Amino acid sequence: MVRGDGSQPIPRGIIRSIQFDPRIDWSQFAIAAAADVPGKNHIQLIVADQPCLADGQVNHCDEAILLLAHPDRHKLREAVNAVRIEYDPLPAVLTIEESEKQDVIVLGEDNVIKSFLLKRAMWIPRGPTRRTLSRESTVPVRRNICTLRTTE
């Protein structure tokens, strides 16, 4: 899976060009890009906002752009390193606080993936949480998710 140029991943940007080093015999590889994905090019987790393969824009540094396959691991690694991707950077949102400020919108209208309305008819746990949720209200649920770029 090719996720950037191998040395300078960016958090968000427009894919300007993808270049394949001519020293590699690319006919020996299976190569898939967004246009090759049959049907809808998305993975639905909470909402259908994650592309299987980036199509023109990347929204995080580990977003897949191309899939490369070859029976020889060493040739595959060499090929991955021979793909160069150029980007035009876009402003990124890297923290929850930046997302809440909404100076840069990267998702929807307000950087919120999904919100839920909890009602009394729903199961509510006992104790302080029950008192907090016992009346109909919107409760923000926050989760800080960090990813690390790894190499093999």
Protein backbone atom coordinates (compact mmCIF):
# COMPACT_ATOMS: atom_id res chain seq x y z
CA MET A 1 0.00 0.00 0.00
CA VAL A 2 1.47 3.35 -0.98
CA ARG A 3 0.54 6.09 1.47
CA GLY A 4 2.77 8.98 0.52
CA ASP A 5 6.22 9.57 -0.81
CA GLY A 6 7.84 7.52 1.94
CA SER A 7 9.73 10.40 3.51
CA GLN A 8 7.40 13.37 3.94
CA PRO A 9 3.85 12.35 4.76
CA ILE A 10 1.50 15.28 5.01
CA PRO A 11 -1.59 15.49 7.18
CA ARG A 12 -3.85 16.78 4.40
CA GLY A 13 -3.51 17.84 0.77
CA ILE A 14 -4.41 17.67 -2.90
CA ILE A 15 -2.63 14.95 -4.88
CA ARG A 16 -0.87 16.86 -7.65
CA SER A 17 0.92 13.97 -9.36
CA ILE A 18 1.91 10.33 -9.02
CA GLN A 19 5.13 9.26 -10.75
CA PHE A 20 6.36 5.72 -11.24
CA ASP A 21 10.14 5.39 -11.52
CA PRO A 22 10.91 4.14 -15.07
CA ARG A 23 13.70 1.87 -13.75
CA ILE A 24 11.02 -0.48 -12.38
CA ASP A 25 9.23 -2.90 -14.72
CA TRP A 26 5.71 -1.97 -13.60
CA SER A 27 4.15 -4.62 -15.86
CA GLN A 28 5.16 -7.19 -13.19
CA PHE A 29 2.97 -5.49 -10.56
CA ALA A 30 -0.72 -5.32 -9.88
CA ILE A 31 -1.53 -1.64 -9.30
CA ALA A 32 -4.87 -0.32 -8.12
CA ALA A 33 -5.98 3.30 -7.71
CA ALA A 34 -9.29 4.89 -6.70
CA ALA A 35 -10.63 4.58 -10.27
CA ASP A 36 -10.13 0.80 -10.05
CA VAL A 37 -12.40 0.34 -7.02
CA PRO A 38 -15.66 -1.24 -8.20
CA GLY A 39 -18.78 0.41 -6.87
CA LYS A 40 -18.51 3.02 -4.16
CA ASN A 41 -14.98 3.98 -3.11
CA HIS A 42 -15.63 4.20 0.61
CA ILE A 43 -15.47 2.29 3.85
CA GLN A 44 -18.34 2.96 6.19
CA LEU A 45 -17.34 3.08 9.84
CA ILE A 46 -19.73 5.57 11.42
CA VAL A 47 -20.55 7.35 8.18
CA ALA A 48 -19.34 6.73 4.63
CA ASP A 49 -16.49 9.26 4.78
CA GLN A 50 -13.35 7.11 4.47
CA PRO A 51 -12.27 6.34 0.89
CA CYS A 52 -10.83 2.90 0.17
CA LEU A 53 -8.19 4.70 -1.90
CA ALA A 54 -7.71 8.47 -1.94
CA ASP A 55 -9.11 10.11 -5.04
CA GLY A 56 -7.49 13.47 -5.64
CA GLN A 57 -7.13 14.46 -1.98
CA VAL A 58 -5.71 12.96 1.22
CA ASN A 59 -7.20 13.83 4.60
CA HIS A 60 -4.67 12.13 6.86
CA CYS A 61 -1.08 10.94 6.52
CA ASP A 62 -1.92 7.23 6.44
CA GLU A 63 -4.68 7.38 3.85
CA ALA A 64 -4.04 4.79 1.13
CA ILE A 65 -3.52 6.18 -2.36
CA LEU A 66 -2.43 3.13 -4.36
CA LEU A 67 -2.29 -0.59 -3.79
CA LEU A 68 0.70 -2.42 -5.21
CA ALA A 69 1.05 -6.21 -5.30
CA HIS A 70 3.91 -8.49 -6.33
CA PRO A 71 4.85 -12.05 -5.27
CA ASP A 72 8.36 -10.97 -4.25
CA ARG A 73 8.44 -8.86 -1.05
CA HIS A 74 11.78 -7.30 -1.87
CA LYS A 75 10.67 -6.19 -5.33
CA LEU A 76 7.47 -4.87 -3.78
CA ARG A 77 9.39 -2.80 -1.22
CA GLU A 78 11.63 -1.46 -3.98
CA ALA A 79 8.57 -0.51 -6.04
CA VAL A 80 6.84 1.22 -3.12
CA ASN A 81 9.97 3.32 -2.64
CA ALA A 82 10.00 4.11 -6.39
CA VAL A 83 6.59 5.80 -6.38
CA ARG A 84 6.69 9.57 -5.88
CA ILE A 85 3.59 11.50 -4.95
CA GLU A 86 3.51 15.28 -5.03
CA TYR A 87 0.96 17.24 -3.03
CA ASP A 88 -0.37 20.73 -2.62
CA PRO A 89 -0.78 21.00 1.16
CA LEU A 90 -4.14 21.91 2.69
CA PRO A 91 -4.71 23.23 6.22
CA ALA A 92 -4.96 20.37 8.71
CA VAL A 93 -6.82 19.82 11.95
CA LEU A 94 -4.54 17.93 14.34
CA THR A 95 -6.22 18.28 17.75
CA ILE A 96 -9.72 18.19 19.19
CA GLU A 97 -9.30 21.82 20.22
CA GLU A 98 -8.51 22.85 16.63
CA SER A 99 -11.54 20.90 15.44
CA GLU A 100 -13.81 22.61 17.94
CA LYS A 101 -12.58 26.07 16.87
CA GLN A 102 -13.78 25.25 13.35
CA ASP A 103 -11.22 27.56 11.73
CA VAL A 104 -10.63 24.72 9.25
CA ILE A 105 -13.48 22.39 8.32
CA VAL A 106 -12.33 18.98 7.12
CA LEU A 107 -15.54 17.01 7.69
CA GLY A 108 -19.15 18.01 7.16
CA GLU A 109 -20.20 21.46 8.37
CA ASP A 110 -18.60 21.38 11.82
CA ASN A 111 -15.94 18.61 11.98
CA VAL A 112 -18.37 16.35 13.87
CA ILE A 113 -18.50 12.78 12.60
CA LYS A 114 -21.79 11.89 14.24
CA SER A 115 -23.98 13.17 17.06
CA PHE A 116 -26.69 11.26 18.90
CA LEU A 117 -29.76 12.42 20.77
CA LEU A 118 -30.29 10.38 23.95
CA LYS A 119 -33.89 10.09 25.14
CA ARG A 120 -35.43 8.77 28.37
CA ALA A 121 -36.76 5.69 26.64
CA MET A 122 -33.21 4.55 25.98
CA TRP A 123 -31.32 2.44 28.49
CA ILE A 124 -29.55 4.71 30.96
CA PRO A 125 -26.95 3.44 33.46
CA ARG A 126 -27.29 3.93 37.22
CA GLY A 127 -25.53 6.51 39.37
CA PRO A 128 -24.29 9.98 38.40
CA THR A 129 -24.47 9.17 34.70
CA ARG A 130 -28.17 8.34 35.08
CA ARG A 131 -28.87 11.72 36.70
CA THR A 132 -26.96 13.48 33.92
CA LEU A 133 -28.72 11.62 31.12
CA SER A 134 -32.16 11.30 32.69
CA ARG A 135 -33.54 14.25 30.78
CA GLU A 136 -33.47 14.52 26.99
CA SER A 137 -30.23 16.23 26.07
CA THR A 138 -27.38 16.28 23.63
CA VAL A 139 -24.21 15.01 25.25
CA PRO A 140 -20.88 15.43 23.45
CA VAL A 141 -18.81 12.28 23.50
CA ARG A 142 -15.11 12.86 22.94
CA ARG A 143 -12.47 10.36 22.09
CA ASN A 144 -8.91 11.22 21.31
CA ILE A 145 -7.49 8.91 18.64
CA CYS A 146 -3.81 9.04 17.72
CA THR A 147 -2.17 7.13 14.91
CA LEU A 148 1.49 6.56 14.31
CA ARG A 149 3.11 6.08 10.92
CA THR A 150 5.03 2.81 10.89
CA THR A 151 7.42 1.28 8.42
CA GLU A 152 8.31 -2.35 7.84
